């Protein structure tokens, strides 16, 4: 009869109990395996055989019932951290990118912008700044052990959704309000079309990240029956 390695069995059961992005989950499990392997090596040096050393390392590591919720919280925290970092990069980047485009000579048209367009542009800049500040605060919170990982991840998700909807929506309304000026802008400036496409792509990435973060934050707390 083949004897399953206690470390492999323990990590396989732990993996089944965790929910979240596969890359992050694999990274966490690799860290756990490295710790267990080191513990097994230490027990072997104390005179235990391979199976006994592995079994003791697993007992010292903790049962799946005990450690799975802790790993799931860390997984949620990492997902929230990644999503917050994305917000911190995307929204200031959008503001700086469009500011650079205007400095390169892009204009909606030769006429002064309407009051509506000016108001929407200010709203967009303000929303981007607010999202960046909130993302920075939430990013810092994700590094605190005592922080409620799930609640923080939900806040990051909602911040991303609001930011993407407001900034994307104001951009769309500005284009509609300017009529044919948007087409003229694209025709007159070679950077305009890539800027529009990049903005849309970044908003889509933010929404995708927000959905994934909400799913991870809403995953059930893992449990496992004691053996």
Protein backbone atom coordinates (compact mmCIF):
# COMPACT_ATOMS: atom_id res chain seq x y z
CA UNK A 1 0.00 0.00 0.00
CA UNK A 2 1.32 3.44 -0.92
CA UNK A 3 1.75 5.74 2.06
CA UNK A 4 0.82 9.35 1.27
CA UNK A 5 3.29 11.91 2.51
CA UNK A 6 1.69 13.81 5.42
CA UNK A 7 2.94 17.16 4.10
CA UNK A 8 1.49 16.58 0.63
CA UNK A 9 -1.82 15.38 2.08
CA UNK A 10 -2.05 18.34 4.46
CA UNK A 11 -1.30 20.92 1.77
CA UNK A 12 -3.69 19.30 -0.70
CA UNK A 13 -6.50 19.48 1.85
CA UNK A 14 -5.62 23.08 2.67
CA UNK A 15 -5.66 24.01 -1.02
CA UNK A 16 -9.15 22.54 -1.43
CA UNK A 17 -10.44 24.79 1.36
CA UNK A 18 -9.09 28.06 -0.05
CA UNK A 19 -10.81 30.36 -2.54
CA UNK A 20 -9.14 33.10 -4.53
CA UNK A 21 -6.82 33.86 -7.44
CA UNK A 22 -4.87 30.73 -8.33
CA UNK A 23 -1.53 32.51 -8.64
CA UNK A 24 -1.76 34.03 -5.17
CA UNK A 25 -3.04 30.76 -3.73
CA UNK A 26 -0.13 28.83 -5.24
CA UNK A 27 2.34 31.37 -3.88
CA UNK A 28 0.92 31.02 -0.38
CA UNK A 29 0.99 27.24 -0.57
CA UNK A 30 4.59 27.31 -1.76
CA UNK A 31 5.49 29.38 1.29
CA UNK A 32 3.67 26.88 3.50
CA UNK A 33 5.47 23.96 1.85
CA UNK A 34 8.85 25.63 2.31
CA UNK A 35 8.13 26.07 6.01
CA UNK A 36 7.01 22.49 6.40
CA UNK A 37 10.03 21.15 4.50
CA UNK A 38 12.32 23.10 6.81
CA UNK A 39 10.47 21.71 9.84
CA UNK A 40 10.75 18.16 8.50
CA UNK A 41 14.49 18.61 7.99
CA UNK A 42 14.87 19.87 11.56
CA UNK A 43 12.99 16.85 12.94
CA UNK A 44 15.09 14.49 10.82
CA UNK A 45 18.22 15.98 12.35
CA UNK A 46 16.75 15.15 15.76
CA UNK A 47 16.58 11.46 14.82
CA UNK A 48 13.03 10.95 13.49
CA UNK A 49 12.49 8.98 10.32
CA UNK A 50 11.02 10.68 7.24
CA UNK A 51 7.36 9.81 7.89
CA UNK A 52 7.48 10.62 11.60
CA UNK A 53 9.27 13.91 10.90
CA UNK A 54 6.65 14.90 8.32
CA UNK A 55 3.77 13.95 10.62
CA UNK A 56 5.23 15.97 13.50
CA UNK A 57 5.84 18.98 11.22
CA UNK A 58 2.20 18.84 10.14
CA UNK A 59 0.96 18.61 13.74
CA UNK A 60 3.10 21.58 14.72
CA UNK A 61 1.91 23.52 11.68
CA UNK A 62 -1.72 23.19 12.75
CA UNK A 63 -4.83 21.42 11.54
CA UNK A 64 -6.65 22.55 8.41
CA UNK A 65 -9.60 23.61 10.59
CA UNK A 66 -7.28 25.95 12.48
CA UNK A 67 -5.16 27.40 9.70
CA UNK A 68 -7.49 27.51 6.67
CA UNK A 69 -9.46 30.56 7.92
CA UNK A 70 -6.19 32.37 8.59
CA UNK A 71 -4.90 31.58 5.11
CA UNK A 72 -8.20 32.63 3.57
CA UNK A 73 -8.05 35.97 5.38
CA UNK A 74 -4.53 36.48 4.11
CA UNK A 75 -5.66 35.56 0.61
CA UNK A 76 -8.45 38.14 0.82
CA UNK A 77 -6.00 40.73 2.15
CA UNK A 78 -3.59 40.11 -0.72
CA UNK A 79 -6.37 40.37 -3.27
CA UNK A 80 -7.55 43.63 -1.71
CA UNK A 81 -3.97 44.91 -1.68
CA UNK A 82 -3.51 44.09 -5.36
CA UNK A 83 -6.81 45.78 -6.27
CA UNK A 84 -5.96 48.88 -4.22
CA UNK A 85 -2.55 49.11 -5.88
CA UNK A 86 -4.21 48.95 -9.28
CA UNK A 87 -6.46 51.87 -8.36
CA UNK A 88 -3.50 53.83 -7.06
CA UNK A 89 -1.74 53.42 -10.41
CA UNK A 90 -4.65 53.68 -12.84
CA UNK A 91 -6.50 56.82 -11.76
CA UNK A 92 -3.53 59.17 -11.32
CA UNK A 93 -2.17 57.66 -14.52
CA UNK A 94 -5.34 58.55 -16.41
CA UNK A 95 -5.22 62.13 -15.13
CA UNK A 96 -1.54 62.53 -16.00
CA UNK A 97 -1.99 60.88 -19.40
CA UNK A 98 -4.82 63.11 -20.50
CA UNK A 99 -3.05 66.16 -19.10
CA UNK A 100 -0.05 65.27 -21.22
CA UNK A 101 -2.29 64.87 -24.27
CA UNK A 102 -3.71 68.37 -23.78
CA UNK A 103 -0.19 69.76 -23.42
CA UNK A 104 0.70 68.16 -26.74
CA UNK A 105 -1.93 70.37 -28.35
CA UNK A 106 -5.06 68.22 -28.33
CA UNK A 107 -8.29 70.23 -28.16
CA UNK A 108 -11.96 69.36 -28.47
CA UNK A 109 -12.42 72.18 -30.95
CA UNK A 110 -11.42 75.76 -31.56
CA UNK A 111 -14.30 77.09 -29.45
CA UNK A 112 -14.15 77.35 -25.65
CA UNK A 113 -15.45 74.27 -23.87
CA UNK A 114 -19.06 74.44 -22.71
CA UNK A 115 -19.89 74.80 -19.03
CA UNK A 116 -21.10 71.19 -18.99
CA UNK A 117 -17.81 69.87 -20.38
CA UNK A 118 -15.79 71.98 -17.94
CA UNK A 119 -17.89 70.73 -15.02
CA UNK A 120 -17.54 67.10 -16.15
CA UNK A 121 -13.79 67.46 -16.59
CA UNK A 122 -13.48 68.83 -13.07
CA UNK A 123 -15.66 66.02 -11.74
CA UNK A 124 -13.49 63.48 -13.49
CA UNK A 125 -10.27 64.96 -12.07
CA UNK A 126 -11.77 65.18 -8.59
CA UNK A 127 -13.06 61.61 -8.73
CA UNK A 128 -9.64 60.34 -9.85
CA UNK A 129 -7.93 62.18 -6.99
CA UNK A 130 -10.43 60.91 -4.41
CA UNK A 131 -10.12 57.32 -5.64
CA UNK A 132 -6.32 57.55 -5.47
CA UNK A 133 -6.39 58.89 -1.89
CA UNK A 134 -8.91 56.25 -0.74
CA UNK A 135 -6.90 53.52 -2.47
CA UNK A 136 -3.72 54.68 -0.73
CA UNK A 137 -5.42 54.54 2.67
CA UNK A 138 -6.93 51.11 2.01
CA UNK A 139 -3.62 49.82 0.65
CA UNK A 140 -1.93 50.81 3.91
CA UNK A 141 -4.72 49.14 5.91
CA UNK A 142 -4.20 45.81 4.10
CA UNK A 143 -0.77 45.54 5.74
CA UNK A 144 -2.27 45.68 9.24
CA UNK A 145 -2.74 42.25 10.75
CA UNK A 146 -5.71 43.37 12.84
CA UNK A 147 -7.56 44.90 9.87
CA UNK A 148 -10.80 43.15 8.79
CA UNK A 149 -9.58 41.80 5.46
CA UNK A 150 -13.00 41.11 3.97
CA UNK A 151 -14.46 44.52 4.78
CA UNK A 152 -11.37 46.27 3.44
CA UNK A 153 -11.52 44.24 0.22
CA UNK A 154 -15.18 45.17 -0.26
CA UNK A 155 -14.34 48.85 0.23
CA UNK A 156 -11.55 48.58 -2.35
CA UNK A 157 -13.97 46.94 -4.80
CA UNK A 158 -16.65 49.58 -4.31
CA UNK A 159 -14.08 52.35 -4.69
CA UNK A 160 -12.92 50.86 -7.98
CA UNK A 161 -16.45 50.47 -9.31
CA UNK A 162 -17.42 54.02 -8.40
CA UNK A 163 -14.20 55.42 -9.86
CA UNK A 164 -14.50 53.50 -13.12
CA UNK A 165 -18.18 54.37 -13.57
CA UNK A 166 -17.72 58.06 -12.75
CA UNK A 167 -14.58 58.58 -14.82
CA UNK A 168 -15.74 56.42 -17.72
CA UNK A 169 -19.23 57.90 -17.62
CA UNK A 170 -18.05 61.50 -17.56
CA UNK A 171 -15.71 60.80 -20.45
CA UNK A 172 -18.57 59.33 -22.48
CA UNK A 173 -20.90 62.23 -21.68
CA UNK A 174 -18.20 64.75 -22.58
CA UNK A 175 -17.80 63.11 -25.98
CA UNK A 176 -21.55 63.12 -26.56
CA UNK A 177 -21.83 66.75 -25.42
CA UNK A 178 -19.12 67.80 -27.86
CA UNK A 179 -20.85 66.20 -30.83
CA UNK A 180 -18.50 65.86 -33.79
CA UNK A 181 -15.63 67.44 -31.87
CA UNK A 182 -14.56 64.01 -30.60
CA UNK A 183 -14.12 62.73 -34.14
CA UNK A 184 -12.26 65.89 -35.08
CA UNK A 185 -9.98 65.45 -32.06
CA UNK A 186 -9.09 61.91 -33.17
CA UNK A 187 -8.47 63.03 -36.74
CA UNK A 188 -6.30 65.99 -35.69
CA UNK A 189 -4.21 64.26 -33.02
CA UNK A 190 -2.56 60.83 -33.55
CA UNK A 191 -2.42 60.22 -29.79
CA UNK A 192 -6.13 60.76 -29.17
CA UNK A 193 -7.45 57.40 -30.35
CA UNK A 194 -4.88 55.36 -28.36
CA UNK A 195 -5.69 57.53 -25.33
CA UNK A 196 -9.41 56.77 -25.64
CA UNK A 197 -8.69 53.07 -26.09
CA UNK A 198 -6.26 52.94 -23.19
CA UNK A 199 -8.72 54.75 -20.90
CA UNK A 200 -11.48 52.30 -21.77
CA UNK A 201 -9.17 49.32 -21.23
CA UNK A 202 -8.00 50.59 -17.84
CA UNK A 203 -11.57 51.17 -16.67
CA UNK A 204 -12.43 47.63 -17.78
CA UNK A 205 -9.43 46.25 -15.86
CA UNK A 206 -10.51 48.13 -12.75
CA UNK A 207 -14.04 46.71 -13.00
CA UNK A 208 -12.68 43.20 -13.55
CA UNK A 209 -10.41 43.54 -10.54
CA UNK A 210 -13.30 44.85 -8.44
CA UNK A 211 -15.51 41.88 -9.35
CA UNK A 212 -12.74 39.38 -8.57
CA UNK A 213 -12.06 41.07 -5.24
CA UNK A 214 -15.73 40.99 -4.30
CA UNK A 215 -15.90 37.29 -5.13
CA UNK A 216 -12.87 36.53 -2.98
CA UNK A 217 -14.17 38.69 -0.13
CA UNK A 218 -17.53 36.95 -0.29
CA UNK A 219 -16.11 33.43 -0.25
CA UNK A 220 -17.23 31.32 2.72
CA UNK A 221 -14.93 30.83 5.69
CA UNK A 222 -13.24 27.46 5.06
CA UNK A 223 -13.73 24.65 7.53
CA UNK A 224 -12.59 21.06 7.64
CA UNK A 225 -13.66 18.13 9.76
CA UNK A 226 -11.17 16.99 12.34
CA UNK A 227 -9.73 13.55 11.79
